[in-house]
Protein backbone atom coordinates (compact mmCIF):
# COMPACT_ATOMS: atom_id res chain seq x y z
CA UNK A 1 81.22 107.01 91.31
CA UNK A 2 78.03 108.84 89.85
CA UNK A 3 77.90 111.63 87.49
CA UNK A 4 79.76 114.89 88.25
CA UNK A 5 77.09 118.20 88.62
CA UNK A 6 79.39 120.67 87.34
CA UNK A 7 77.04 123.60 87.53
CA UNK A 8 75.95 123.02 90.93
CA UNK A 9 79.67 121.75 92.03
CA UNK A 10 80.96 125.42 90.62
CA UNK A 11 78.31 127.41 92.42
CA UNK A 12 78.57 125.57 95.63
CA UNK A 13 82.42 126.22 95.93
CA UNK A 14 82.07 129.83 94.81
CA UNK A 15 79.36 130.54 97.43
CA UNK A 16 81.21 128.28 100.16
CA UNK A 17 84.59 130.42 99.83
CA UNK A 18 82.54 133.84 99.99
CA UNK A 19 81.21 132.68 103.38
CA UNK A 20 84.79 132.07 104.92
CA UNK A 21 86.50 134.87 106.88
CA UNK A 22 90.17 134.63 105.73
CA UNK A 23 91.25 135.37 109.48
CA UNK A 24 89.39 132.20 110.44
CA UNK A 25 91.76 130.27 108.31
CA UNK A 26 94.81 132.43 109.46
CA UNK A 27 94.96 134.80 106.51
CA UNK A 28 94.96 138.56 106.86
CA UNK A 29 91.59 140.35 106.86
CA UNK A 30 91.14 142.05 103.48
CA UNK A 31 89.11 145.55 104.17
CA UNK A 32 89.74 147.03 100.64
CA UNK A 33 88.36 144.35 98.79
CA UNK A 34 84.78 143.89 96.91
CA UNK A 35 85.29 140.30 97.15
CA UNK A 36 83.88 138.60 100.12
CA UNK A 37 85.41 135.43 101.70
CA UNK A 38 88.39 133.97 100.37
CA UNK A 39 89.98 134.15 96.91
CA UNK A 40 90.39 131.48 94.50
CA UNK A 41 94.14 131.46 95.24
CA UNK A 42 93.45 131.16 98.93
CA UNK A 43 91.19 127.81 98.60
CA UNK A 44 93.81 126.50 96.18
CA UNK A 45 96.67 127.16 98.35
CA UNK A 46 94.83 125.64 101.66
CA UNK A 47 93.76 122.63 99.42
CA UNK A 48 97.28 121.92 98.19
CA UNK A 49 96.01 122.27 94.36
CA UNK A 50 97.16 124.68 91.68
CA UNK A 51 95.09 127.80 91.39
CA UNK A 52 94.36 126.85 87.54
CA UNK A 53 92.85 123.49 88.49
CA UNK A 54 90.69 125.09 91.03
CA UNK A 55 89.66 128.02 88.84
CA UNK A 56 88.83 125.44 86.23
CA UNK A 57 86.34 123.60 88.73
CA UNK A 58 84.38 127.06 89.47
CA UNK A 59 84.45 127.39 85.74
CA UNK A 60 82.58 124.08 85.18
CA UNK A 61 85.39 122.79 83.14
CA UNK A 62 88.47 120.50 83.47
CA UNK A 63 89.12 116.88 84.87
CA UNK A 64 87.31 115.06 87.25
CA UNK A 65 88.31 116.10 91.09
CA UNK A 66 89.66 112.99 92.71
CA UNK A 67 87.93 112.09 96.21
CA UNK A 68 91.35 113.07 97.87
CA UNK A 69 90.80 117.05 95.96
CA UNK A 70 87.06 117.02 97.25
CA UNK A 71 88.01 116.02 100.73
CA UNK A 72 90.75 118.77 100.59
CA UNK A 73 88.68 121.31 99.40
CA UNK A 74 86.26 120.35 102.23
CA UNK A 75 88.65 121.27 104.62
CA UNK A 76 90.11 124.31 103.13
CA UNK A 77 86.32 125.94 103.00
CA UNK A 78 85.67 124.71 106.58
CA UNK A 79 82.71 122.77 105.52
CA UNK A 80 80.34 120.78 108.00
CA UNK A 81 79.86 117.04 107.83
CA UNK A 82 76.51 117.90 106.02
CA UNK A 83 78.31 120.26 103.45
CA UNK A 84 81.30 117.80 102.99
CA UNK A 85 78.64 114.96 102.27
CA UNK A 86 77.15 117.20 99.63
CA UNK A 87 80.34 118.28 98.07
CA UNK A 88 81.05 114.52 97.70
CA UNK A 89 77.57 113.73 96.01
CA UNK A 90 78.13 116.94 93.56
CA UNK A 91 81.49 115.51 92.48
CA UNK A 92 79.72 112.18 91.75
CA UNK A 93 80.84 110.10 95.04
CA UNK A 94 78.84 108.06 97.21
CA UNK A 95 79.38 109.36 100.91
CA UNK A 96 81.90 107.41 102.87
CA UNK A 97 80.69 105.60 105.76
CA UNK A 98 81.49 106.89 109.37
CA UNK A 99 84.37 104.53 110.20
CA UNK A 100 86.47 105.54 107.29
CA UNK A 101 85.60 109.60 107.15
CA UNK A 102 88.14 111.94 106.09
CA UNK A 103 86.38 115.01 106.87
CA UNK A 104 87.85 117.28 109.65
CA UNK A 105 85.05 119.26 111.51
CA UNK A 106 85.70 122.97 111.36
CA UNK A 107 86.07 123.40 114.83
CA UNK A 108 88.91 120.83 114.98
CA UNK A 109 90.48 122.87 112.16
CA UNK A 110 89.98 126.17 114.28
CA UNK A 111 92.08 124.57 117.00
CA UNK A 112 94.62 123.35 114.77
CA UNK A 113 94.86 127.03 113.20
CA UNK A 114 95.40 128.72 116.54
CA UNK A 115 98.36 126.41 117.66
CA UNK A 116 100.96 128.94 115.86
CA UNK A 117 103.96 128.07 117.90
CA UNK A 118 103.45 124.35 118.17
CA UNK A 119 103.22 121.45 115.88
CA UNK A 120 100.07 119.74 115.50
CA UNK A 121 98.20 117.57 113.20
CA UNK A 122 94.75 115.68 112.94
CA UNK A 123 95.13 112.25 112.36
CA UNK A 124 92.57 109.68 111.56
CA UNK A 125 92.49 106.28 113.95
CA UNK A 126 94.03 104.35 111.26
CA UNK A 127 96.98 106.57 110.64
CA UNK A 128 96.00 109.06 107.73
CA UNK A 129 97.31 112.55 108.15
CA UNK A 130 94.23 114.76 107.53
CA UNK A 131 95.23 118.23 108.40
CA UNK A 132 98.59 119.77 109.70
CA UNK A 133 99.45 123.22 110.86
CA UNK A 134 102.47 125.17 109.44
CA UNK A 135 104.89 124.01 112.44
CA UNK A 136 103.79 120.77 111.72
CA UNK A 137 104.56 121.14 108.18
CA UNK A 138 108.13 122.83 109.00
CA UNK A 139 108.84 119.80 111.53
CA UNK A 140 107.80 116.93 109.02
CA UNK A 141 108.47 118.37 106.05
CA UNK A 142 105.12 117.87 104.05
CA UNK A 143 101.23 118.94 103.82
CA UNK A 144 98.42 116.34 104.54
CA UNK A 145 99.10 114.02 101.44
CA UNK A 146 96.37 111.45 100.32
CA UNK A 147 96.83 107.60 99.92
CA UNK A 148 99.66 105.85 101.73
CA UNK A 149 101.92 108.76 101.04
CA UNK A 150 100.04 110.51 103.79
CA UNK A 151 99.66 107.61 106.22
CA UNK A 152 101.88 107.32 109.31
CA UNK A 153 101.81 103.58 109.56
CA UNK A 154 103.00 103.36 105.95
CA UNK A 155 105.75 106.03 106.38
CA UNK A 156 107.01 104.29 109.21
CA UNK A 157 107.13 100.81 108.03
CA UNK A 158 107.47 101.16 104.18
CA UNK A 159 109.08 104.54 103.42
CA UNK A 160 112.75 104.27 103.22
CA UNK A 161 113.00 108.06 103.31
CA UNK A 162 111.07 108.63 106.14
CA UNK A 163 112.42 105.92 108.63
CA UNK A 164 115.77 107.69 109.43
CA UNK A 165 113.62 110.68 110.83
CA UNK A 166 113.23 108.42 113.91
CA UNK A 167 116.43 107.15 115.96
CA UNK A 168 117.48 103.51 115.80
CA UNK A 169 117.41 102.95 119.44
CA UNK A 170 113.60 104.33 119.46
CA UNK A 171 112.46 102.69 116.36
CA UNK A 172 111.24 99.31 118.17
CA UNK A 173 109.25 101.03 120.57
CA UNK A 174 107.59 103.42 118.10
CA UNK A 175 106.77 100.85 115.61
CA UNK A 176 105.16 98.49 118.35
CA UNK A 177 102.79 101.20 119.58
CA UNK A 178 101.85 101.90 116.16
CA UNK A 179 100.69 98.27 115.28
CA UNK A 180 98.99 98.05 118.71
CA UNK A 181 97.32 101.56 117.85
CA UNK A 182 96.33 100.00 114.19
CA UNK A 183 95.13 96.62 116.17
CA UNK A 184 92.64 98.48 118.04
CA UNK A 185 91.16 100.34 115.17
CA UNK A 186 90.71 97.19 113.29
CA UNK A 187 89.05 95.51 116.48
CA UNK A 188 86.61 98.51 116.26
CA UNK A 189 85.85 98.05 112.61
CA UNK A 190 86.87 94.52 111.48
CA UNK A 191 84.96 95.03 108.18
CA UNK A 192 86.56 98.45 107.14
CA UNK A 193 87.55 98.23 103.63
CA UNK A 194 90.09 101.39 104.16
CA UNK A 195 91.65 99.67 107.21
CA UNK A 196 91.71 96.24 106.05
CA UNK A 197 93.42 97.62 102.54
CA UNK A 198 96.27 99.34 104.59
CA UNK A 199 96.79 96.10 106.55
CA UNK A 200 97.09 93.93 103.38
CA UNK A 201 99.48 96.34 102.02
CA UNK A 202 101.47 96.76 105.26
CA UNK A 203 101.63 92.89 105.68
CA UNK A 204 102.81 92.55 102.01
CA UNK A 205 105.53 95.28 102.23
CA UNK A 206 107.04 95.01 105.78
CA UNK A 207 108.59 92.08 107.63
CA UNK A 208 108.97 94.13 110.64
CA UNK A 209 105.10 94.85 110.50
CA UNK A 210 104.20 91.44 109.91
CA UNK A 211 106.40 90.06 112.92
CA UNK A 212 104.38 92.97 115.01
CA UNK A 213 101.27 92.24 113.88
CA UNK A 214 101.40 88.34 114.76
CA UNK A 215 102.21 89.56 118.64
CA UNK A 216 98.48 90.68 118.74
CA UNK A 217 99.15 93.76 120.94
CA UNK A 218 96.45 96.13 121.43
CA UNK A 219 96.69 99.63 122.81
CA UNK A 220 95.22 103.15 121.90
CA UNK A 221 98.25 105.68 122.18
CA UNK A 222 97.35 108.64 124.10
CA UNK A 223 100.66 110.05 124.82
CA UNK A 224 104.25 109.41 123.84
CA UNK A 225 107.93 110.92 124.17
CA UNK A 226 109.90 110.59 120.90
CA UNK A 227 112.67 112.00 118.89
CA UNK A 228 112.52 113.42 115.31
CA UNK A 229 115.60 113.75 113.26
CA UNK A 230 115.09 116.90 111.32
CA UNK A 231 117.55 117.02 108.36
CA UNK A 232 118.05 120.95 108.75
CA UNK A 233 118.50 121.03 112.56
CA UNK A 234 119.13 117.86 113.70
CA UNK A 235 117.52 115.85 116.41
CA UNK A 236 114.26 117.13 118.34
CA UNK A 237 113.05 115.60 121.63
CA UNK A 238 109.14 116.08 121.78
CA UNK A 239 106.28 115.04 124.06
CA UNK A 240 103.41 113.79 122.13
CA UNK A 241 99.71 114.42 123.49
CA UNK A 242 96.92 112.67 121.45
CA UNK A 243 93.67 114.40 122.16
CA UNK A 244 90.68 112.18 121.12
CA UNK A 245 87.83 113.89 119.26
CA UNK A 246 84.14 112.77 120.17
CA UNK A 247 83.81 110.23 117.88
CA UNK A 248 87.14 108.38 118.33
CA UNK A 249 88.07 108.39 114.84
CA UNK A 250 90.00 111.31 114.54
CA UNK A 251 92.74 112.57 116.90
CA UNK A 252 94.71 116.06 117.58
CA UNK A 253 98.11 115.38 117.97
CA UNK A 254 100.39 118.10 119.79
CA UNK A 255 104.26 118.23 119.65
CA UNK A 256 105.82 120.18 122.61
CA UNK A 257 109.27 120.65 123.75
CA UNK A 258 110.56 121.05 127.35
CA UNK A 259 110.57 124.79 127.77
CA UNK A 260 114.16 126.21 127.73
CA UNK A 261 115.74 123.02 126.32
CA UNK A 262 117.76 122.73 123.03
CA UNK A 263 114.76 121.14 121.48
CA UNK A 264 112.58 124.03 121.94
CA UNK A 265 115.16 126.13 120.61
CA UNK A 266 114.88 124.22 117.38
CA UNK A 267 111.31 124.59 117.20
CA UNK A 268 111.42 128.09 117.50
CA UNK A 269 114.02 128.17 114.81
CA UNK A 270 111.38 126.18 112.65
CA UNK A 271 108.68 128.59 113.52
CA UNK A 272 110.90 131.60 112.50
CA UNK A 273 112.05 130.15 109.14
CA UNK A 274 108.89 128.31 108.13
CA UNK A 275 107.74 125.51 106.27
CA UNK A 276 109.20 127.06 102.99
CA UNK A 277 112.66 126.36 104.03
CA UNK A 278 112.27 122.87 104.72
CA UNK A 279 109.66 122.13 102.07
CA UNK A 280 111.97 119.43 100.63
CA UNK A 281 112.64 117.52 103.92
CA UNK A 282 109.70 115.42 104.21
């Protein structure tokens, strides 16, 4: 990590939020305001940080922002990849290699924002949740989180609170697919530090993962059917379509239920009640 350029970071954040149309991130347009673009509280909410924390960044003070916070701000401000790299440099971080990029392109975020009636999330090829729409947060109970707490593979193998979300009879198949998918990613980038660290941690934390990893199955997941047990509305049967980005390093996962089914009714209930009601469901 190099030194942070607080003055340039503050100016770039302010000018970037002023360029964002609130409607483009799912917020109501504000015609009766002299302030263009997003407000500070808008950016903070979109990035999952406190308004006071964000305000201090624009005021050239406060703590050093973590790399995860910088990534979240880049997504909230809909920065291009070049702008995202620039933001990381201003905050004192070296640029990640392509294979470990956590920056979601603005076009992909735009698609995510437009999916208002179906859960959807953007996930890296090593299982890191990079962005979720409101429906996905209502279904899965949390926004995109940094580190292992926001990694699908870690949640399925090593998080005792998350594991009951998958029915016991479906778990062997789900876990096997996850490991085969991670094998495919590892084959593409065998020297990737982020991927290798995740694998080492999973091998240490989970006997199930060790057993499946030793099978050496390899397969990229492109579609699946699964049941998610929601703590408030019960089991929801879903079709999962995995739409790969051009780079192959990120995918948009779309969850749909059979029209007219009980599961479709439960999704509609989640849409109406929203993520606030189920914020603690994770």
